[in-house]
Each structure stands twice: as C-alpha cells, then as structure tokens.
Amino acid sequence: MTHRTLNAADRLEQQLAFVREVDKLKHIFRRTWLLDGSRLENDAEHSWHLALMTFLLPEYALAENLDVLRVLKMVVAHDLVEIDAGDTYAYDSTGRETQAEREQQAADRIFALLPADQGPELRALWDEFEARETPEARYAAALDQLQPLMHNYFTEGRAWREHGITADQVVTRCHPIADGAPRLWQYAEKLINDAVIRGYLKPAADC
C-alpha cells in the first residue's frame, strides 16, 4: 500500500490519530530523576534529550558518515512501545525477563496505527535499534545509555542509592556506549569511577 491508496483526509486522520496516541508517552515515568531533583523524568523528555544529543555528538561515534536523520527517527521512536509495555527499570532483573515480549506486542499495535507506508518504517527502525547491528543503532544505543548515566551522576546517585546499585552493574548496563562511541565511553567510565569515590554508587559487588 502507498500513501495514494488512502484519500488525503483519511491519511491525515490516521497520522493525527497516531500523534494523539503517542502523547501518552508523556505519562510514562522512568526511574531517572531530573537534574534538579524535583521529579522523575518521563519518556517523552528522555526521547527529546536523546534527539538533541544525536545531532550534537556524532563526531564521537565510532563510525563515520552516520545517517544522523535515521538516528533521530530511531531515538524518537524507540520508547513509544512503553505506552503499552511500561518502563522497565534497567536493573530490574525480573521485569527484564518479560520485557522483550511485552515490547514486541506493543510495537505490533502502536506502529500499525500509522498509514502502511509509514508504520513499517518506524517499526523497522525500532527493530534496528533493538538489534544494535548497524552503526546508527549502536550510536543511538550509546546515547540511550549515556543520558541516564549522566542524570544519575549529577543527582549524586539518587536513583542508584535508592535501589542499591553497584558499579559493576552500571558498567555492564552501560558498556554498549563503547560499541557506538568509544570516546563517550571514556567519559562514562570517569563518571562511574568518580561516583564510587564520592559514594554515589556502591563499589563492585566482588570488592
């Protein structure tokens, strides 16, 4: 099906119905505190932050000649599934057992709301992000890990301390940064090490 299959009015209504539906992302709250500590961040704010980082930081990506527009679409779309699936805390091992299935089902529903020439494109970008096999997906994943790491560090480890998170857990969780943007991983490692020194983050569990 192409966009010509729908008349203009029906196509616009379908697109704007999707726009209305994804407004729900503003009500999905993460376990990440805003930098001023006033409240938790919502998914829409997280996606906006990633979009800004996408076009500010491509010089640090491992790969050259990235398709930055593709990455922008990816980071804006990748959390839409949480409208149905909810936010799964990065260190919730129980929740992560069912995360993939919940998010796949959500992707099936949400992206199907769009016209047939647009929905599959966004769904393919979501799948690409999840697979982390392309340079664009690895760069997007690097930013997706760096952003909450920065929030945790600059709120003096508030969420880390609330959940008893250890340095080795953070290293394991955030290591995809190294795959997409090694220079940003060097920065992330400095934050993690300093967080332990400052008491924001527990030392590795085996220490």
N, C-alpha and C. Protein backbone atom coordinates (compact mmCIF):
# COMPACT_ATOMS: atom_id res chain seq x y z
N MET A 1 0.85 -1.20 0.00
CA MET A 1 0.00 0.00 0.00
C MET A 1 0.88 1.24 0.00
N THR A 2 0.53 2.26 -0.75
CA THR A 2 1.24 3.53 -0.75
C THR A 2 0.31 4.59 -0.20
N HIS A 3 0.86 5.80 -0.02
CA HIS A 3 0.03 6.87 0.51
C HIS A 3 -1.10 7.25 -0.43
N ARG A 4 -0.99 6.86 -1.71
CA ARG A 4 -2.04 7.20 -2.66
C ARG A 4 -3.28 6.32 -2.48
N THR A 5 -3.14 5.19 -1.76
CA THR A 5 -4.26 4.29 -1.56
C THR A 5 -5.32 4.94 -0.68
N LEU A 6 -4.91 5.71 0.29
CA LEU A 6 -5.83 6.44 1.15
C LEU A 6 -6.11 7.81 0.55
N ASN A 7 -7.34 8.27 0.69
CA ASN A 7 -7.55 9.65 0.28
C ASN A 7 -6.88 10.56 1.30
N ALA A 8 -6.67 11.82 0.93
CA ALA A 8 -5.88 12.74 1.75
C ALA A 8 -6.47 12.92 3.14
N ALA A 9 -7.79 13.01 3.24
CA ALA A 9 -8.43 13.23 4.54
C ALA A 9 -8.25 12.03 5.45
N ASP A 10 -8.42 10.81 4.90
CA ASP A 10 -8.26 9.61 5.71
C ASP A 10 -6.81 9.44 6.17
N ARG A 11 -5.89 9.74 5.27
CA ARG A 11 -4.47 9.62 5.61
C ARG A 11 -4.12 10.57 6.75
N LEU A 12 -4.55 11.80 6.63
CA LEU A 12 -4.25 12.78 7.68
C LEU A 12 -4.88 12.37 9.00
N GLU A 13 -6.09 11.86 8.97
CA GLU A 13 -6.75 11.44 10.21
C GLU A 13 -5.98 10.29 10.86
N GLN A 14 -5.49 9.35 10.06
CA GLN A 14 -4.73 8.24 10.60
C GLN A 14 -3.42 8.71 11.21
N GLN A 15 -2.75 9.62 10.54
CA GLN A 15 -1.49 10.15 11.07
C GLN A 15 -1.71 10.92 12.37
N LEU A 16 -2.77 11.73 12.41
CA LEU A 16 -3.00 12.53 13.62
C LEU A 16 -3.56 11.68 14.76
N ALA A 17 -4.22 10.59 14.43
CA ALA A 17 -4.64 9.66 15.48
C ALA A 17 -3.40 9.05 16.16
N PHE A 18 -2.38 8.76 15.36
CA PHE A 18 -1.12 8.27 15.91
C PHE A 18 -0.47 9.34 16.79
N VAL A 19 -0.48 10.58 16.31
CA VAL A 19 0.09 11.68 17.08
C VAL A 19 -0.62 11.81 18.43
N ARG A 20 -1.93 11.67 18.44
CA ARG A 20 -2.68 11.74 19.70
C ARG A 20 -2.33 10.56 20.62
N GLU A 21 -2.20 9.39 20.02
CA GLU A 21 -1.90 8.20 20.81
C GLU A 21 -0.54 8.32 21.51
N VAL A 22 0.47 8.80 20.79
CA VAL A 22 1.81 8.83 21.38
C VAL A 22 1.98 9.94 22.39
N ASP A 23 0.98 10.83 22.52
CA ASP A 23 1.01 11.80 23.60
C ASP A 23 1.07 11.11 24.97
N LYS A 24 0.61 9.86 25.00
CA LYS A 24 0.62 9.09 26.25
C LYS A 24 2.04 8.87 26.77
N LEU A 25 3.04 9.01 25.90
CA LEU A 25 4.42 8.82 26.33
C LEU A 25 4.80 9.82 27.42
N LYS A 26 4.13 10.96 27.44
CA LYS A 26 4.41 11.98 28.44
C LYS A 26 4.02 11.53 29.85
N HIS A 27 3.24 10.47 29.93
CA HIS A 27 2.76 9.98 31.23
C HIS A 27 3.49 8.71 31.68
N ILE A 28 4.49 8.29 30.91
CA ILE A 28 5.28 7.12 31.30
C ILE A 28 6.54 7.63 31.99
N PHE A 29 6.63 7.39 33.29
CA PHE A 29 7.76 7.91 34.05
C PHE A 29 8.84 6.86 34.24
N ARG A 30 10.07 7.33 34.09
CA ARG A 30 11.25 6.49 34.23
C ARG A 30 11.73 6.52 35.69
N ARG A 31 12.80 5.79 35.97
CA ARG A 31 13.39 5.83 37.33
C ARG A 31 14.54 6.82 37.39
N THR A 32 14.58 7.74 36.44
CA THR A 32 15.65 8.72 36.35
C THR A 32 15.13 10.07 36.86
N TRP A 33 15.85 10.64 37.80
CA TRP A 33 15.46 11.94 38.35
C TRP A 33 15.93 13.07 37.43
N LEU A 34 15.10 14.11 37.30
CA LEU A 34 15.56 15.31 36.62
C LEU A 34 16.78 15.86 37.36
N LEU A 35 17.59 16.62 36.66
CA LEU A 35 18.83 17.09 37.25
C LEU A 35 18.62 18.00 38.45
N ASP A 36 17.45 18.65 38.52
CA ASP A 36 17.18 19.48 39.70
C ASP A 36 16.56 18.67 40.84
N GLY A 37 16.33 17.38 40.61
CA GLY A 37 15.82 16.51 41.66
C GLY A 37 14.36 16.71 41.99
N SER A 38 13.63 17.48 41.19
CA SER A 38 12.25 17.82 41.54
C SER A 38 11.27 16.69 41.28
N ARG A 39 11.53 15.86 40.29
CA ARG A 39 10.63 14.75 39.97
C ARG A 39 11.35 13.79 39.03
N LEU A 40 10.67 12.68 38.76
CA LEU A 40 11.21 11.72 37.80
C LEU A 40 10.98 12.21 36.38
N GLU A 41 11.85 11.79 35.49
CA GLU A 41 11.76 12.14 34.08
C GLU A 41 10.72 11.26 33.40
N ASN A 42 10.00 11.83 32.42
CA ASN A 42 9.10 10.98 31.64
C ASN A 42 9.75 10.59 30.32
N ASP A 43 9.15 9.61 29.64
CA ASP A 43 9.74 9.06 28.44
C ASP A 43 9.86 10.08 27.31
N ALA A 44 8.89 10.97 27.21
CA ALA A 44 8.94 11.98 26.14
C ALA A 44 10.14 12.90 26.34
N GLU A 45 10.40 13.27 27.59
CA GLU A 45 11.55 14.12 27.89
C GLU A 45 12.86 13.38 27.59
N HIS A 46 12.90 12.11 27.92
CA HIS A 46 14.08 11.30 27.60
C HIS A 46 14.32 11.27 26.10
N SER A 47 13.26 11.04 25.32
CA SER A 47 13.40 10.97 23.87
C SER A 47 13.86 12.30 23.29
N TRP A 48 13.33 13.41 23.82
CA TRP A 48 13.76 14.73 23.36
C TRP A 48 15.25 14.93 23.64
N HIS A 49 15.69 14.52 24.83
CA HIS A 49 17.08 14.70 25.20
C HIS A 49 18.00 13.90 24.26
N LEU A 50 17.58 12.68 23.94
CA LEU A 50 18.36 11.85 23.02
C LEU A 50 18.41 12.47 21.63
N ALA A 51 17.29 13.04 21.19
CA ALA A 51 17.27 13.67 19.86
C ALA A 51 18.27 14.82 19.81
N LEU A 52 18.32 15.61 20.86
CA LEU A 52 19.27 16.72 20.91
C LEU A 52 20.71 16.20 20.90
N MET A 53 20.98 15.18 21.68
CA MET A 53 22.32 14.60 21.73
C MET A 53 22.72 13.99 20.38
N THR A 54 21.74 13.46 19.66
CA THR A 54 22.01 12.81 18.38
C THR A 54 22.72 13.73 17.41
N PHE A 55 22.22 14.97 17.29
CA PHE A 55 22.85 15.86 16.31
C PHE A 55 23.97 16.70 16.90
N LEU A 56 24.15 16.66 18.23
CA LEU A 56 25.27 17.37 18.84
C LEU A 56 26.55 16.55 18.88
N LEU A 57 26.44 15.22 18.96
CA LEU A 57 27.60 14.40 19.31
C LEU A 57 28.06 13.38 18.27
N PRO A 58 27.63 13.45 17.01
CA PRO A 58 28.02 12.40 16.06
C PRO A 58 29.52 12.32 15.81
N GLU A 59 30.26 13.37 16.12
CA GLU A 59 31.72 13.33 15.91
C GLU A 59 32.38 12.29 16.81
N TYR A 60 31.68 11.85 17.87
CA TYR A 60 32.25 10.86 18.79
C TYR A 60 31.81 9.44 18.46
N ALA A 61 30.97 9.29 17.47
CA ALA A 61 30.54 7.95 17.08
C ALA A 61 31.71 7.16 16.51
N LEU A 62 31.68 5.86 16.70
CA LEU A 62 32.75 5.00 16.18
C LEU A 62 32.79 5.04 14.66
N ALA A 63 31.61 5.02 14.05
CA ALA A 63 31.52 5.01 12.59
C ALA A 63 31.47 6.43 12.05
N GLU A 64 32.05 6.61 10.88
CA GLU A 64 31.97 7.89 10.19
C GLU A 64 30.78 7.88 9.23
N ASN A 65 30.39 9.08 8.81
CA ASN A 65 29.31 9.22 7.82
C ASN A 65 28.01 8.57 8.26
N LEU A 66 27.67 8.78 9.53
CA LEU A 66 26.40 8.27 10.04
C LEU A 66 25.23 8.96 9.35
N ASP A 67 24.14 8.24 9.23
CA ASP A 67 22.88 8.83 8.78
C ASP A 67 22.20 9.40 10.03
N VAL A 68 22.49 10.66 10.33
CA VAL A 68 22.01 11.26 11.57
C VAL A 68 20.49 11.37 11.60
N LEU A 69 19.87 11.64 10.45
CA LEU A 69 18.42 11.69 10.41
C LEU A 69 17.82 10.34 10.79
N ARG A 70 18.44 9.27 10.34
CA ARG A 70 17.97 7.93 10.69
C ARG A 70 18.07 7.71 12.20
N VAL A 71 19.17 8.16 12.79
CA VAL A 71 19.33 8.01 14.24
C VAL A 71 18.29 8.85 14.97
N LEU A 72 18.02 10.05 14.48
CA LEU A 72 16.99 10.89 15.10
C LEU A 72 15.64 10.19 15.13
N LYS A 73 15.26 9.61 14.00
CA LYS A 73 13.99 8.88 13.95
C LYS A 73 14.01 7.71 14.93
N MET A 74 15.14 7.05 15.02
CA MET A 74 15.27 5.88 15.88
C MET A 74 15.09 6.25 17.35
N VAL A 75 15.76 7.32 17.79
CA VAL A 75 15.69 7.65 19.21
C VAL A 75 14.34 8.24 19.59
N VAL A 76 13.67 8.87 18.64
CA VAL A 76 12.33 9.40 18.93
C VAL A 76 11.31 8.27 19.01
N ALA A 77 11.52 7.23 18.21
CA ALA A 77 10.53 6.14 18.12
C ALA A 77 10.76 5.02 19.12
N HIS A 78 11.98 4.87 19.63
CA HIS A 78 12.29 3.60 20.30
C HIS A 78 11.57 3.38 21.61
N ASP A 79 11.15 4.44 22.30
CA ASP A 79 10.45 4.26 23.58
C ASP A 79 8.93 4.31 23.45
N LEU A 80 8.41 4.48 22.23
CA LEU A 80 6.95 4.55 22.08
C LEU A 80 6.28 3.27 22.56
N VAL A 81 6.97 2.15 22.48
CA VAL A 81 6.38 0.88 22.92
C VAL A 81 6.06 0.89 24.41
N GLU A 82 6.68 1.78 25.17
CA GLU A 82 6.45 1.80 26.60
C GLU A 82 5.08 2.36 26.95
N ILE A 83 4.38 2.92 25.98
CA ILE A 83 2.98 3.32 26.19
C ILE A 83 2.17 2.11 26.62
N ASP A 84 2.42 0.97 26.00
CA ASP A 84 1.74 -0.28 26.36
C ASP A 84 2.55 -1.11 27.35
N ALA A 85 3.86 -1.19 27.12
CA ALA A 85 4.69 -2.12 27.89
C ALA A 85 5.15 -1.55 29.22
N GLY A 86 5.07 -0.23 29.38
CA GLY A 86 5.57 0.40 30.59
C GLY A 86 7.09 0.49 30.58
N ASP A 87 7.62 1.30 31.46
CA ASP A 87 9.07 1.42 31.58
C ASP A 87 9.59 0.29 32.45
N THR A 88 10.58 -0.42 31.95
CA THR A 88 11.22 -1.48 32.73
C THR A 88 12.54 -0.93 33.26
N TYR A 89 12.66 -0.88 34.57
CA TYR A 89 13.88 -0.33 35.17
C TYR A 89 15.09 -1.14 34.73
N ALA A 90 16.14 -0.43 34.41
CA ALA A 90 17.33 -1.05 33.83
C ALA A 90 17.89 -2.18 34.70
N TYR A 91 17.71 -2.09 36.02
CA TYR A 91 18.30 -3.07 36.91
C TYR A 91 17.26 -4.00 37.54
N ASP A 92 16.08 -4.05 36.94
CA ASP A 92 15.01 -4.93 37.40
C ASP A 92 15.11 -6.26 36.64
N SER A 93 15.79 -7.23 37.22
CA SER A 93 16.04 -8.49 36.52
C SER A 93 14.74 -9.25 36.27
N THR A 94 13.79 -9.15 37.17
CA THR A 94 12.51 -9.84 36.97
C THR A 94 11.73 -9.22 35.83
N GLY A 95 11.63 -7.90 35.83
CA GLY A 95 10.90 -7.21 34.77
C GLY A 95 11.51 -7.42 33.41
N ARG A 96 12.83 -7.55 33.36
CA ARG A 96 13.51 -7.70 32.08
C ARG A 96 13.28 -9.08 31.45
N GLU A 97 12.82 -10.04 32.26
CA GLU A 97 12.53 -11.36 31.72
C GLU A 97 11.38 -11.32 30.71
N THR A 98 10.43 -10.44 30.93
CA THR A 98 9.26 -10.34 30.04
C THR A 98 9.29 -9.10 29.16
N GLN A 99 10.34 -8.30 29.29
CA GLN A 99 10.39 -7.01 28.59
C GLN A 99 10.30 -7.17 27.08
N ALA A 100 11.09 -8.07 26.52
CA ALA A 100 11.13 -8.21 25.06
C ALA A 100 9.76 -8.58 24.51
N GLU A 101 9.09 -9.52 25.14
CA GLU A 101 7.77 -9.95 24.66
C GLU A 101 6.76 -8.81 24.76
N ARG A 102 6.76 -8.11 25.90
CA ARG A 102 5.81 -7.00 26.08
C ARG A 102 6.04 -5.91 25.05
N GLU A 103 7.30 -5.62 24.79
CA GLU A 103 7.60 -4.53 23.87
C GLU A 103 7.33 -4.92 22.41
N GLN A 104 7.56 -6.19 22.06
CA GLN A 104 7.23 -6.64 20.71
C GLN A 104 5.73 -6.50 20.45
N GLN A 105 4.93 -6.91 21.41
CA GLN A 105 3.48 -6.79 21.26
C GLN A 105 3.06 -5.32 21.14
N ALA A 106 3.69 -4.48 21.93
CA ALA A 106 3.38 -3.06 21.86
C ALA A 106 3.76 -2.47 20.52
N ALA A 107 4.91 -2.87 20.00
CA ALA A 107 5.35 -2.38 18.69
C ALA A 107 4.37 -2.80 17.60
N ASP A 108 3.87 -4.04 17.69
CA ASP A 108 2.90 -4.51 16.71
C ASP A 108 1.67 -3.60 16.67
N ARG A 109 1.20 -3.19 17.84
CA ARG A 109 -0.01 -2.37 17.88
C ARG A 109 0.25 -0.91 17.50
N ILE A 110 1.25 -0.31 18.12
CA ILE A 110 1.42 1.13 18.02
C ILE A 110 1.83 1.55 16.62
N PHE A 111 2.80 0.88 16.02
CA PHE A 111 3.25 1.29 14.69
C PHE A 111 2.23 0.96 13.61
N ALA A 112 1.34 0.01 13.89
CA ALA A 112 0.28 -0.32 12.94
C ALA A 112 -0.79 0.76 12.87
N LEU A 113 -0.76 1.72 13.78
CA LEU A 113 -1.73 2.81 13.75
C LEU A 113 -1.46 3.78 12.60
N LEU A 114 -0.24 3.79 12.10
CA LEU A 114 0.15 4.70 11.02
C LEU A 114 -0.25 4.14 9.66
N PRO A 115 -0.30 4.99 8.64
CA PRO A 115 -0.50 4.51 7.26
C PRO A 115 0.55 3.47 6.90
N ALA A 116 0.21 2.61 5.96
CA ALA A 116 1.03 1.44 5.65
C ALA A 116 2.39 1.77 5.06
N ASP A 117 2.61 3.00 4.61
CA ASP A 117 3.94 3.36 4.13
C ASP A 117 4.80 3.97 5.23
N GLN A 118 4.21 4.30 6.38
CA GLN A 118 4.96 4.92 7.46
C GLN A 118 5.15 3.99 8.65
N GLY A 119 4.12 3.25 9.02
CA GLY A 119 4.21 2.34 10.16
C GLY A 119 5.35 1.34 10.04
N PRO A 120 5.48 0.64 8.90
CA PRO A 120 6.59 -0.32 8.77
C PRO A 120 7.97 0.33 8.85
N GLU A 121 8.08 1.58 8.41
CA GLU A 121 9.37 2.26 8.51
C GLU A 121 9.76 2.46 9.96
N LEU A 122 8.83 2.96 10.77
CA LEU A 122 9.14 3.17 12.18
C LEU A 122 9.36 1.85 12.91
N ARG A 123 8.57 0.84 12.55
CA ARG A 123 8.76 -0.47 13.16
C ARG A 123 10.14 -1.02 12.82
N ALA A 124 10.58 -0.85 11.58
CA ALA A 124 11.90 -1.32 11.17
C ALA A 124 13.01 -0.58 11.93
N LEU A 125 12.81 0.71 12.17
CA LEU A 125 13.79 1.47 12.94
C LEU A 125 13.84 0.99 14.39
N TRP A 126 12.66 0.67 14.93
CA TRP A 126 12.62 0.14 16.30
C TRP A 126 13.36 -1.19 16.37
N ASP A 127 13.09 -2.08 15.41
CA ASP A 127 13.78 -3.37 15.36
C ASP A 127 15.29 -3.17 15.20
N GLU A 128 15.68 -2.21 14.37
CA GLU A 128 17.11 -1.93 14.16
C GLU A 128 17.76 -1.49 15.46
N PHE A 129 17.10 -0.63 16.19
CA PHE A 129 17.64 -0.17 17.47
C PHE A 129 17.81 -1.35 18.42
N GLU A 130 16.81 -2.21 18.50
CA GLU A 130 16.88 -3.35 19.42
C GLU A 130 18.02 -4.30 19.06
N ALA A 131 18.26 -4.49 17.76
CA ALA A 131 19.29 -5.43 17.32
C ALA A 131 20.70 -4.89 17.52
N ARG A 132 20.87 -3.58 17.43
CA ARG A 132 22.18 -2.93 17.62
C ARG A 132 23.26 -3.49 16.69
N GLU A 133 22.89 -3.74 15.46
CA GLU A 133 23.84 -4.30 14.50
C GLU A 133 24.39 -3.26 13.53
N THR A 134 23.71 -2.13 13.36
CA THR A 134 24.17 -1.10 12.43
C THR A 134 24.90 0.00 13.18
N PRO A 135 25.76 0.75 12.50
CA PRO A 135 26.44 1.86 13.17
C PRO A 135 25.46 2.87 13.77
N GLU A 136 24.35 3.12 13.06
CA GLU A 136 23.36 4.07 13.57
C GLU A 136 22.72 3.56 14.86
N ALA A 137 22.40 2.27 14.88
CA ALA A 137 21.77 1.70 16.08
C ALA A 137 22.74 1.69 17.26
N ARG A 138 24.01 1.42 16.99
CA ARG A 138 24.99 1.40 18.08
C ARG A 138 25.22 2.81 18.63
N TYR A 139 25.21 3.80 17.77
CA TYR A 139 25.33 5.18 18.23
C TYR A 139 24.10 5.57 19.04
N ALA A 140 22.92 5.21 18.55
CA ALA A 140 21.68 5.51 19.29
C ALA A 140 21.70 4.84 20.66
N ALA A 141 22.14 3.60 20.72
CA ALA A 141 22.20 2.88 21.99
C ALA A 141 23.20 3.51 22.94
N ALA A 142 24.30 4.01 22.40
CA ALA A 142 25.30 4.68 23.24
C ALA A 142 24.69 5.90 23.93
N LEU A 143 23.95 6.68 23.17
CA LEU A 143 23.32 7.87 23.74
C LEU A 143 22.25 7.48 24.76
N ASP A 144 21.52 6.42 24.46
CA ASP A 144 20.45 5.95 25.34
C ASP A 144 20.99 5.49 26.68
N GLN A 145 22.23 5.04 26.73
CA GLN A 145 22.87 4.65 27.99
C GLN A 145 23.54 5.83 28.68
N LEU A 146 24.12 6.72 27.89
CA LEU A 146 24.85 7.85 28.48
C LEU A 146 23.91 8.83 29.18
N GLN A 147 22.76 9.10 28.58
CA GLN A 147 21.86 10.11 29.14
C GLN A 147 21.44 9.80 30.58
N PRO A 148 20.92 8.60 30.89
CA PRO A 148 20.56 8.33 32.28
C PRO A 148 21.77 8.21 33.21
N LEU A 149 22.90 7.77 32.67
CA LEU A 149 24.11 7.73 33.48
C LEU A 149 24.46 9.13 33.97
N MET A 150 24.38 10.10 33.08
CA MET A 150 24.66 11.48 33.46
C MET A 150 23.68 11.97 34.51
N HIS A 151 22.39 11.66 34.32
CA HIS A 151 21.38 12.07 35.30
C HIS A 151 21.67 11.46 36.67
N ASN A 152 22.04 10.18 36.67
CA ASN A 152 22.33 9.54 37.95
C ASN A 152 23.54 10.18 38.62
N TYR A 153 24.57 10.44 37.84
CA TYR A 153 25.78 11.02 38.43
C TYR A 153 25.51 12.43 38.96
N PHE A 154 24.87 13.27 38.16
CA PHE A 154 24.70 14.67 38.53
C PHE A 154 23.55 14.91 39.51
N THR A 155 22.84 13.85 39.90
CA THR A 155 21.91 13.94 41.03
C THR A 155 22.50 13.20 42.23
N GLU A 156 23.82 13.08 42.23
CA GLU A 156 24.56 12.45 43.32
C GLU A 156 24.11 11.01 43.56
N GLY A 157 23.83 10.33 42.47
CA GLY A 157 23.50 8.92 42.55
C GLY A 157 22.16 8.63 43.21
N ARG A 158 21.23 9.56 43.11
CA ARG A 158 19.98 9.40 43.86
C ARG A 158 19.27 8.07 43.54
N ALA A 159 19.05 7.79 42.25
CA ALA A 159 18.37 6.54 41.90
C ALA A 159 19.24 5.33 42.19
N TRP A 160 20.53 5.44 41.96
CA TRP A 160 21.43 4.34 42.29
C TRP A 160 21.34 4.00 43.77
N ARG A 161 21.39 5.03 44.61
CA ARG A 161 21.35 4.81 46.05
C ARG A 161 20.00 4.26 46.50
N GLU A 162 18.94 4.74 45.87
CA GLU A 162 17.59 4.25 46.22
C GLU A 162 17.44 2.76 45.96
N HIS A 163 18.14 2.26 44.93
CA HIS A 163 17.97 0.87 44.52
C HIS A 163 19.18 -0.01 44.84
N GLY A 164 20.17 0.55 45.53
CA GLY A 164 21.32 -0.24 45.94
C GLY A 164 22.16 -0.76 44.79
N ILE A 165 22.33 0.06 43.76
CA ILE A 165 23.04 -0.35 42.55
C ILE A 165 24.56 -0.30 42.78
N THR A 166 25.27 -1.26 42.21
CA THR A 166 26.72 -1.33 42.34
C THR A 166 27.41 -0.92 41.04
N ALA A 167 28.68 -0.59 41.15
CA ALA A 167 29.44 -0.11 40.00
C ALA A 167 29.50 -1.14 38.88
N ASP A 168 29.65 -2.42 39.22
CA ASP A 168 29.73 -3.43 38.18
C ASP A 168 28.41 -3.56 37.42
N GLN A 169 27.29 -3.35 38.10
CA GLN A 169 26.00 -3.35 37.41
C GLN A 169 25.93 -2.22 36.39
N VAL A 170 26.41 -1.06 36.77
CA VAL A 170 26.37 0.09 35.87
C VAL A 170 27.31 -0.12 34.69
N VAL A 171 28.48 -0.66 34.94
CA VAL A 171 29.43 -0.92 33.85
C VAL A 171 28.81 -1.89 32.85
N THR A 172 28.21 -2.96 33.34
CA THR A 172 27.60 -3.95 32.45
C THR A 172 26.47 -3.32 31.65
N ARG A 173 25.63 -2.56 32.33
CA ARG A 173 24.48 -1.93 31.67
C ARG A 173 24.92 -0.92 30.62
N CYS A 174 25.93 -0.14 30.92
CA CYS A 174 26.31 1.00 30.07
C CYS A 174 27.39 0.67 29.05
N HIS A 175 27.93 -0.53 29.08
CA HIS A 175 29.04 -0.84 28.18
C HIS A 175 28.71 -0.70 26.69
N PRO A 176 27.42 -0.82 26.26
CA PRO A 176 27.13 -0.54 24.84
C PRO A 176 27.59 0.83 24.36
N ILE A 177 27.84 1.74 25.28
CA ILE A 177 28.37 3.04 24.88
C ILE A 177 29.69 2.84 24.13
N ALA A 178 30.51 1.90 24.60
CA ALA A 178 31.81 1.65 23.98
C ALA A 178 31.67 1.16 22.55
N ASP A 179 30.61 0.42 22.26
CA ASP A 179 30.41 -0.12 20.92
C ASP A 179 30.03 0.95 19.91
N GLY A 180 29.33 1.98 20.38
CA GLY A 180 28.87 3.01 19.46
C GLY A 180 29.66 4.29 19.48
N ALA A 181 30.31 4.58 20.62
CA ALA A 181 31.01 5.86 20.76
C ALA A 181 32.10 5.72 21.83
N PRO A 182 33.27 5.18 21.47
CA PRO A 182 34.32 4.90 22.46
C PRO A 182 34.74 6.13 23.27
N ARG A 183 34.77 7.29 22.65
CA ARG A 183 35.17 8.49 23.40
C ARG A 183 34.14 8.81 24.49
N LEU A 184 32.87 8.58 24.19
CA LEU A 184 31.84 8.80 25.21
C LEU A 184 31.93 7.75 26.31
N TRP A 185 32.39 6.55 25.96
CA TRP A 185 32.59 5.52 26.98
C TRP A 185 33.70 5.93 27.94
N GLN A 186 34.76 6.54 27.44
CA GLN A 186 35.81 7.03 28.32
C GLN A 186 35.24 8.03 29.33
N TYR A 187 34.38 8.90 28.84
CA TYR A 187 33.73 9.88 29.73
C TYR A 187 32.84 9.16 30.74
N ALA A 188 32.08 8.16 30.27
CA ALA A 188 31.19 7.41 31.16
C ALA A 188 31.98 6.70 32.25
N GLU A 189 33.11 6.10 31.89
CA GLU A 189 33.94 5.41 32.88
C GLU A 189 34.42 6.37 33.96
N LYS A 190 34.78 7.58 33.56
CA LYS A 190 35.21 8.58 34.55
C LYS A 190 34.09 8.89 35.52
N LEU A 191 32.87 9.03 35.00
CA LEU A 191 31.73 9.30 35.88
C LEU A 191 31.49 8.15 36.85
N ILE A 192 31.55 6.93 36.33
CA ILE A 192 31.32 5.76 37.18
C ILE A 192 32.37 5.66 38.28
N ASN A 193 33.63 5.82 37.92
CA ASN A 193 34.71 5.73 38.91
C ASN A 193 34.60 6.84 39.94
N ASP A 194 34.28 8.03 39.50
CA ASP A 194 34.15 9.15 40.43
C ASP A 194 32.92 8.97 41.32
N ALA A 195 31.87 8.37 40.77
CA ALA A 195 30.66 8.13 41.57
C ALA A 195 30.96 7.20 42.74
N VAL A 196 31.81 6.21 42.50
CA VAL A 196 32.20 5.31 43.60
C VAL A 196 33.00 6.08 44.65
N ILE A 197 33.94 6.89 44.21
CA ILE A 197 34.76 7.67 45.13
C ILE A 197 33.90 8.60 45.99
N ARG A 198 32.90 9.20 45.36
CA ARG A 198 32.05 10.16 46.06
C ARG A 198 30.94 9.49 46.87
N GLY A 199 30.80 8.19 46.75
CA GLY A 199 29.76 7.49 47.50
C GLY A 199 28.39 7.53 46.84
N TYR A 200 28.34 7.94 45.58
CA TYR A 200 27.06 7.94 44.86
C TYR A 200 26.68 6.53 44.43
N LEU A 201 27.67 5.66 44.33
CA LEU A 201 27.49 4.34 43.75
C LEU A 201 28.29 3.35 44.59
N LYS A 202 27.70 2.20 44.90
CA LYS A 202 28.40 1.18 45.65
C LYS A 202 29.55 0.60 44.82
N PRO A 203 30.65 0.23 45.45
CA PRO A 203 31.72 -0.45 44.71
C PRO A 203 31.21 -1.75 44.11
N ALA A 204 31.98 -2.30 43.18
CA ALA A 204 31.62 -3.58 42.57
C ALA A 204 31.33 -4.61 43.65
N ALA A 205 30.38 -5.48 43.40
CA ALA A 205 29.90 -6.42 44.41
C ALA A 205 30.99 -7.35 44.89
N ASP A 206 31.99 -7.64 44.06
CA ASP A 206 33.05 -8.57 44.45
C ASP A 206 34.23 -7.88 45.12
N CYS A 207 34.09 -6.56 45.37
CA CYS A 207 35.19 -5.83 46.01
C CYS A 207 35.06 -5.88 47.53
